[in-house]
Every structure is written in C-alpha cells, then in structure tokens.
Amino acid sequence: MALTLDRIPDHESGTGRTGVLKDFKGPRRRRTVLRAIALGAATIGSATLALPRRARAETGPNALQGWDRTDCRDGYPSGYDQDPDTGGEFVNAYAACVGGAWRSSDFCEAGWHKYGTELVGDVQVDHMPVSTTCGTTSMKNAWRWTTPDGKVYRCSDGFSTYWGADQSGFTYLTICRSRV
C-alpha cells in the first residue's frame, strides 16, 4: 500500500494518538522518535566525514606539488633503494628518502624543504626547493614513503648553496625528511 498525501491525517482532525509507538519501551512521544531520527542522521553524517578520503596530491609552500601515495610508485615505478639520513632527527631511523648529497630533517621547515637564507656558524646557506628531481615522470617536489615500522615520511627536494669558509658557492642537492 503506497502512502499518499491524502492518507496522512490532518493534525486538527482529532484523530487521537497513533498506535505506532505502542511497543516502544520508554515515553511514547513523537518528539522521541524525531530526536532518534535526528541523532541517527547526525551519526551517519559524522561517520561519513570520518571515512578515508580519496588521495590527492599535496601542495606545499610556494605551491610546490608532492606525491599523494606512500609507496612511491608514481615517482619511481620500479621502486628505489632508500638511503639513510646523513644527519638530523631521523639519522638512526629506517631509511626513507633517496638521492641527494645530504638527507636530513635539518633541511626542513614546516615539513617541506627550506626556502631562503640562513647562517650556520660563519657559513651562509641559501636553500631553494625544486620540482625537477623527484621521480622520473612528473615535476614534483616531494614524495611519501612508509618505512617497515609503519611510519610515513615526506622527502622534499631542494638545492642548498654554501657560501663562506672553504665552500664558497658550492651547491648540493639536499633532501628534507619530515614525519607526516
């Protein structure tokens, strides 16, 4: 039997209480049912927000693009052998990044390769993130990698030029490794 608009009783017609809620334990009020419906809708809505989102490429500072996957198949289709960090916070952790003269969290700022000039002792270092060395197929700055212990890292590429002491004007490919 289909429900049509003309079969719904008018609230002023004096039809009395319905028997729909007679088996419901607790107070039998329409407001209780409406409250349950609203709570159910809110629960479904919040559960939907908690579902994993579709992967998308990250955008870092200076509009640099990074990979969105954690297995690096986009940038390195046949994989790569990770190199251990040469310094910084993760020097004794599982290797994650590859390439570069140096790999370290010391080259990071807000999780991406530093940009700008800093003084390290009496040496000036100019940092410049780049989007030309990450992988072989696209112009990306960073990629993600999951280590055997389940931790996810971002490896962000850049060039660091050292001025002063005995390294005047030497430029190196450096990799920022940060925890995601």
C-alpha atoms as a PDB file:
ATOM      1  CA  MET A   1       0.000   0.000   0.000  1.00  0.00           C
ATOM      2  CA  ALA A   2       1.526   3.291  -1.087  1.00  0.00           C
ATOM      3  CA  LEU A   3       1.473   6.299   1.178  1.00  0.00           C
ATOM      4  CA  THR A   4      -0.134   9.294  -0.448  1.00  0.00           C
ATOM      5  CA  LEU A   5      -0.570  12.802   0.848  1.00  0.00           C
ATOM      6  CA  ASP A   6      -4.347  12.467   1.169  1.00  0.00           C
ATOM      7  CA  ARG A   7      -3.940   9.458   3.537  1.00  0.00           C
ATOM      8  CA  ILE A   8      -1.959  11.465   6.094  1.00  0.00           C
ATOM      9  CA  PRO A   9      -4.395  12.724   8.739  1.00  0.00           C
ATOM     10  CA  ASP A  10      -4.588  16.422   9.439  1.00  0.00           C
ATOM     11  CA  HIS A  11      -3.352  17.272  12.942  1.00  0.00           C
ATOM     12  CA  GLU A  12      -6.520  19.244  13.607  1.00  0.00           C
ATOM     13  CA  SER A  13      -8.901  16.439  12.657  1.00  0.00           C
ATOM     14  CA  GLY A  14      -8.789  14.965  16.149  1.00  0.00           C
ATOM     15  CA  THR A  15      -7.624  11.509  15.109  1.00  0.00           C
ATOM     16  CA  GLY A  16      -6.011  10.950  18.508  1.00  0.00           C
ATOM     17  CA  ARG A  17      -2.772   9.195  19.255  1.00  0.00           C
ATOM     18  CA  THR A  18      -1.447   6.626  16.842  1.00  0.00           C
ATOM     19  CA  GLY A  19      -0.639   3.081  17.859  1.00  0.00           C
ATOM     20  CA  VAL A  20       2.728   3.089  16.068  1.00  0.00           C
ATOM     21  CA  LEU A  21       4.710   3.650  19.246  1.00  0.00           C
ATOM     22  CA  LYS A  22       2.793   1.200  21.491  1.00  0.00           C
ATOM     23  CA  ASP A  23       5.667  -1.402  21.508  1.00  0.00           C
ATOM     24  CA  PHE A  24       8.304   1.241  22.117  1.00  0.00           C
ATOM     25  CA  LYS A  25       9.752   0.995  25.640  1.00  0.00           C
ATOM     26  CA  GLY A  26      10.024   4.369  27.302  1.00  0.00           C
ATOM     27  CA  PRO A  27       7.994   7.511  26.808  1.00  0.00           C
ATOM     28  CA  ARG A  28       5.918   7.240  23.639  1.00  0.00           C
ATOM     29  CA  ARG A  29       6.149  10.661  22.124  1.00  0.00           C
ATOM     30  CA  ARG A  30       6.630  11.807  18.586  1.00  0.00           C
ATOM     31  CA  ARG A  31       9.453  14.046  19.761  1.00  0.00           C
ATOM     32  CA  THR A  32      11.362  10.986  20.984  1.00  0.00           C
ATOM     33  CA  VAL A  33      11.108   9.429  17.527  1.00  0.00           C
ATOM     34  CA  LEU A  34      12.123  12.663  15.832  1.00  0.00           C
ATOM     35  CA  ARG A  35      15.047  13.008  18.250  1.00  0.00           C
ATOM     36  CA  ALA A  36      16.141   9.456  17.367  1.00  0.00           C
ATOM     37  CA  ILE A  37      15.914  10.234  13.662  1.00  0.00           C
ATOM     38  CA  ALA A  38      17.966  13.423  14.099  1.00  0.00           C
ATOM     39  CA  LEU A  39      20.569  11.590  16.190  1.00  0.00           C
ATOM     40  CA  GLY A  40      20.768   8.835  13.571  1.00  0.00           C
ATOM     41  CA  ALA A  41      21.249  11.381  10.787  1.00  0.00           C
ATOM     42  CA  ALA A  42      23.975  13.157  12.773  1.00  0.00           C
ATOM     43  CA  THR A  43      25.728   9.836  13.432  1.00  0.00           C
ATOM     44  CA  ILE A  44      25.657   8.859   9.770  1.00  0.00           C
ATOM     45  CA  GLY A  45      26.883  12.324   8.772  1.00  0.00           C
ATOM     46  CA  SER A  46      29.830  12.262  11.158  1.00  0.00           C
ATOM     47  CA  ALA A  47      30.700   8.698  10.159  1.00  0.00           C
ATOM     48  CA  THR A  48      30.762   9.799   6.526  1.00  0.00           C
ATOM     49  CA  LEU A  49      33.231  12.564   7.372  1.00  0.00           C
ATOM     50  CA  ALA A  50      35.490  10.047   9.099  1.00  0.00           C
ATOM     51  CA  LEU A  51      35.726   7.772   6.044  1.00  0.00           C
ATOM     52  CA  PRO A  52      39.104   7.794   4.286  1.00  0.00           C
ATOM     53  CA  ARG A  53      39.241  10.456   1.638  1.00  0.00           C
ATOM     54  CA  ARG A  54      40.340   9.916  -1.877  1.00  0.00           C
ATOM     55  CA  ALA A  55      44.041  10.515  -2.333  1.00  0.00           C
ATOM     56  CA  ARG A  56      45.121  13.802  -3.827  1.00  0.00           C
ATOM     57  CA  ALA A  57      48.440  15.450  -4.397  1.00  0.00           C
ATOM     58  CA  GLU A  58      49.802  17.584  -1.606  1.00  0.00           C
ATOM     59  CA  THR A  59      50.619  21.217  -2.158  1.00  0.00           C
ATOM     60  CA  GLY A  60      53.446  22.620  -0.085  1.00  0.00           C
ATOM     61  CA  PRO A  61      54.801  26.110   0.471  1.00  0.00           C
ATOM     62  CA  ASN A  62      55.486  28.128  -2.685  1.00  0.00           C
ATOM     63  CA  ALA A  63      52.842  25.980  -4.478  1.00  0.00           C
ATOM     64  CA  LEU A  64      55.194  23.024  -4.884  1.00  0.00           C
ATOM     65  CA  GLN A  65      53.450  19.732  -5.604  1.00  0.00           C
ATOM     66  CA  GLY A  66      54.130  16.466  -3.841  1.00  0.00           C
ATOM     67  CA  TRP A  67      53.068  12.875  -4.427  1.00  0.00           C
ATOM     68  CA  ASP A  68      49.923  11.629  -2.724  1.00  0.00           C
ATOM     69  CA  ARG A  69      50.789   7.946  -2.355  1.00  0.00           C
ATOM     70  CA  THR A  70      53.004   6.266   0.238  1.00  0.00           C
ATOM     71  CA  ASP A  71      54.570   3.582  -1.927  1.00  0.00           C
ATOM     72  CA  CYS A  72      56.344   5.934  -4.357  1.00  0.00           C
ATOM     73  CA  ARG A  73      55.114   4.037  -7.435  1.00  0.00           C
ATOM     74  CA  ASP A  74      54.101   7.340  -9.068  1.00  0.00           C
ATOM     75  CA  GLY A  75      57.596   8.820  -8.927  1.00  0.00           C
ATOM     76  CA  TYR A  76      59.595   5.597  -9.060  1.00  0.00           C
ATOM     77  CA  PRO A  77      57.540   2.906 -10.870  1.00  0.00           C
ATOM     78  CA  SER A  78      60.118   0.199 -10.201  1.00  0.00           C
ATOM     79  CA  GLY A  79      60.838   1.369  -6.655  1.00  0.00           C
ATOM     80  CA  TYR A  80      64.149   2.542  -5.250  1.00  0.00           C
ATOM     81  CA  ASP A  81      66.704   1.673  -2.607  1.00  0.00           C
ATOM     82  CA  GLN A  82      66.338   4.114   0.262  1.00  0.00           C
ATOM     83  CA  ASP A  83      69.411   5.948   1.526  1.00  0.00           C
ATOM     84  CA  PRO A  84      69.934   6.517   5.255  1.00  0.00           C
ATOM     85  CA  ASP A  85      69.826  10.074   6.550  1.00  0.00           C
ATOM     86  CA  THR A  86      73.167  11.861   6.829  1.00  0.00           C
ATOM     87  CA  GLY A  87      72.060  13.916   9.836  1.00  0.00           C
ATOM     88  CA  GLY A  88      69.106  15.328  11.718  1.00  0.00           C
ATOM     89  CA  GLU A  89      66.279  13.813  13.721  1.00  0.00           C
ATOM     90  CA  PHE A  90      65.925  10.540  11.757  1.00  0.00           C
ATOM     91  CA  VAL A  91      69.603   9.622  11.300  1.00  0.00           C
ATOM     92  CA  ASN A  92      69.109   6.364  13.236  1.00  0.00           C
ATOM     93  CA  ALA A  93      65.650   5.546  11.826  1.00  0.00           C
ATOM     94  CA  TYR A  94      64.795   3.328   8.857  1.00  0.00           C
ATOM     95  CA  ALA A  95      65.909   4.870   5.572  1.00  0.00           C
ATOM     96  CA  ALA A  96      63.137   6.523   3.562  1.00  0.00           C
ATOM     97  CA  CYS A  97      64.471   9.050   1.053  1.00  0.00           C
ATOM     98  CA  VAL A  98      66.789   8.535  -1.890  1.00  0.00           C
ATOM     99  CA  GLY A  99      69.386  10.671  -3.627  1.00  0.00           C
ATOM    100  CA  GLY A 100      70.886  13.985  -2.715  1.00  0.00           C
ATOM    101  CA  ALA A 101      74.263  14.766  -1.263  1.00  0.00           C
ATOM    102  CA  TRP A 102      72.616  15.051   2.163  1.00  0.00           C
ATOM    103  CA  ARG A 103      69.325  13.809   3.596  1.00  0.00           C
ATOM    104  CA  SER A 104      68.219  15.305   6.878  1.00  0.00           C
ATOM    105  CA  SER A 105      65.415  16.902   8.849  1.00  0.00           C
ATOM    106  CA  ASP A 106      67.803  19.880   9.162  1.00  0.00           C
ATOM    107  CA  PHE A 107      66.777  20.927   5.633  1.00  0.00           C
ATOM    108  CA  CYS A 108      63.072  21.094   6.621  1.00  0.00           C
ATOM    109  CA  GLU A 109      60.757  23.920   7.508  1.00  0.00           C
ATOM    110  CA  ALA A 110      57.098  23.104   8.233  1.00  0.00           C
ATOM    111  CA  GLY A 111      57.600  19.629   6.747  1.00  0.00           C
ATOM    112  CA  TRP A 112      58.955  20.778   3.368  1.00  0.00           C
ATOM    113  CA  HIS A 113      62.395  21.782   2.076  1.00  0.00           C
ATOM    114  CA  LYS A 114      63.560  25.139   3.409  1.00  0.00           C
ATOM    115  CA  TYR A 115      63.403  28.256   1.292  1.00  0.00           C
ATOM    116  CA  GLY A 116      65.600  31.258   1.968  1.00  0.00           C
ATOM    117  CA  THR A 117      68.933  32.125   3.552  1.00  0.00           C
ATOM    118  CA  GLU A 118      70.305  31.119   6.943  1.00  0.00           C
ATOM    119  CA  LEU A 119      73.606  31.419   8.746  1.00  0.00           C
ATOM    120  CA  VAL A 120      75.185  28.232  10.048  1.00  0.00           C
ATOM    121  CA  GLY A 121      78.140  29.409  12.074  1.00  0.00           C
ATOM    122  CA  ASP A 122      80.173  31.585   9.706  1.00  0.00           C
ATOM    123  CA  VAL A 123      78.691  29.953   6.584  1.00  0.00           C
ATOM    124  CA  GLN A 124      75.708  31.389   4.694  1.00  0.00           C
ATOM    125  CA  VAL A 125      73.387  28.742   3.255  1.00  0.00           C
ATOM    126  CA  ASP A 126      70.856  29.549   0.526  1.00  0.00           C
ATOM    127  CA  HIS A 127      68.043  26.967   0.314  1.00  0.00           C
ATOM    128  CA  MET A 128      65.845  26.587  -2.770  1.00  0.00           C
ATOM    129  CA  PRO A 129      63.176  23.845  -3.068  1.00  0.00           C
ATOM    130  CA  VAL A 130      62.889  22.435  -6.569  1.00  0.00           C
ATOM    131  CA  SER A 131      60.414  20.383  -8.590  1.00  0.00           C
ATOM    132  CA  THR A 132      62.794  18.697 -11.006  1.00  0.00           C
ATOM    133  CA  THR A 133      64.369  15.751  -9.212  1.00  0.00           C
ATOM    134  CA  CYS A 134      61.506  13.770  -7.642  1.00  0.00           C
ATOM    135  CA  GLY A 135      60.999  10.688  -9.758  1.00  0.00           C
ATOM    136  CA  THR A 136      61.172  10.279 -13.475  1.00  0.00           C
ATOM    137  CA  THR A 137      57.738  11.061 -14.873  1.00  0.00           C
ATOM    138  CA  SER A 138      56.473  14.362 -13.445  1.00  0.00           C
ATOM    139  CA  MET A 139      57.571  17.651 -11.980  1.00  0.00           C
ATOM    140  CA  LYS A 140      57.109  17.080  -8.259  1.00  0.00           C
ATOM    141  CA  ASN A 141      58.958  18.387  -5.214  1.00  0.00           C
ATOM    142  CA  ALA A 142      58.236  15.703  -2.640  1.00  0.00           C
ATOM    143  CA  TRP A 143      57.168  12.125  -2.212  1.00  0.00           C
ATOM    144  CA  ARG A 144      55.973   9.994   0.688  1.00  0.00           C
ATOM    145  CA  TRP A 145      57.382   6.752   1.936  1.00  0.00           C
ATOM    146  CA  THR A 146      56.258   4.243   4.550  1.00  0.00           C
ATOM    147  CA  THR A 147      59.073   2.566   6.485  1.00  0.00           C
ATOM    148  CA  PRO A 148      58.917  -1.040   7.770  1.00  0.00           C
ATOM    149  CA  ASP A 149      57.841   0.228  11.219  1.00  0.00           C
ATOM    150  CA  GLY A 150      54.736   1.829   9.636  1.00  0.00           C
ATOM    151  CA  LYS A 151      55.833   5.481   9.904  1.00  0.00           C
ATOM    152  CA  VAL A 152      55.171   7.787   6.947  1.00  0.00           C
ATOM    153  CA  TYR A 153      57.720  10.397   5.890  1.00  0.00           C
ATOM    154  CA  ARG A 154      57.813  13.163   3.287  1.00  0.00           C
ATOM    155  CA  CYS A 155      61.036  13.566   1.296  1.00  0.00           C
ATOM    156  CA  SER A 156      61.198  17.070  -0.184  1.00  0.00           C
ATOM    157  CA  ASP A 157      63.909  18.050  -2.706  1.00  0.00           C
ATOM    158  CA  GLY A 158      65.930  21.230  -2.866  1.00  0.00           C
ATOM    159  CA  PHE A 159      69.304  22.760  -3.562  1.00  0.00           C
ATOM    160  CA  SER A 160      71.458  24.238  -0.819  1.00  0.00           C
ATOM    161  CA  THR A 161      74.312  26.587  -1.747  1.00  0.00           C
ATOM    162  CA  TYR A 162      77.063  27.202   0.817  1.00  0.00           C
ATOM    163  CA  TRP A 163      79.000  30.491   0.961  1.00  0.00           C
ATOM    164  CA  GLY A 164      81.989  31.081   3.179  1.00  0.00           C
ATOM    165  CA  ALA A 165      84.758  29.117   4.845  1.00  0.00           C
ATOM    166  CA  ASP A 166      86.115  26.634   2.288  1.00  0.00           C
ATOM    167  CA  GLN A 167      82.801  26.021   0.458  1.00  0.00           C
ATOM    168  CA  SER A 168      82.301  29.245  -1.488  1.00  0.00           C
ATOM    169  CA  GLY A 169      79.461  28.804  -3.926  1.00  0.00           C
ATOM    170  CA  PHE A 170      79.131  25.011  -3.784  1.00  0.00           C
ATOM    171  CA  THR A 171      75.583  23.809  -4.493  1.00  0.00           C
ATOM    172  CA  TYR A 172      74.293  20.404  -3.377  1.00  0.00           C
ATOM    173  CA  LEU A 173      71.069  18.503  -3.909  1.00  0.00           C
ATOM    174  CA  THR A 174      69.628  18.159  -0.395  1.00  0.00           C
ATOM    175  CA  ILE A 175      66.601  16.207   0.806  1.00  0.00           C
ATOM    176  CA  CYS A 176      64.348  17.296   3.665  1.00  0.00           C
ATOM    177  CA  ARG A 177      62.913  14.313   5.528  1.00  0.00           C
ATOM    178  CA  SER A 178      59.937  15.052   7.752  1.00  0.00           C
ATOM    179  CA  ARG A 179      57.339  12.950   9.522  1.00  0.00           C
ATOM    180  CA  VAL A 180      53.849  13.108   8.009  1.00  0.00           C
END
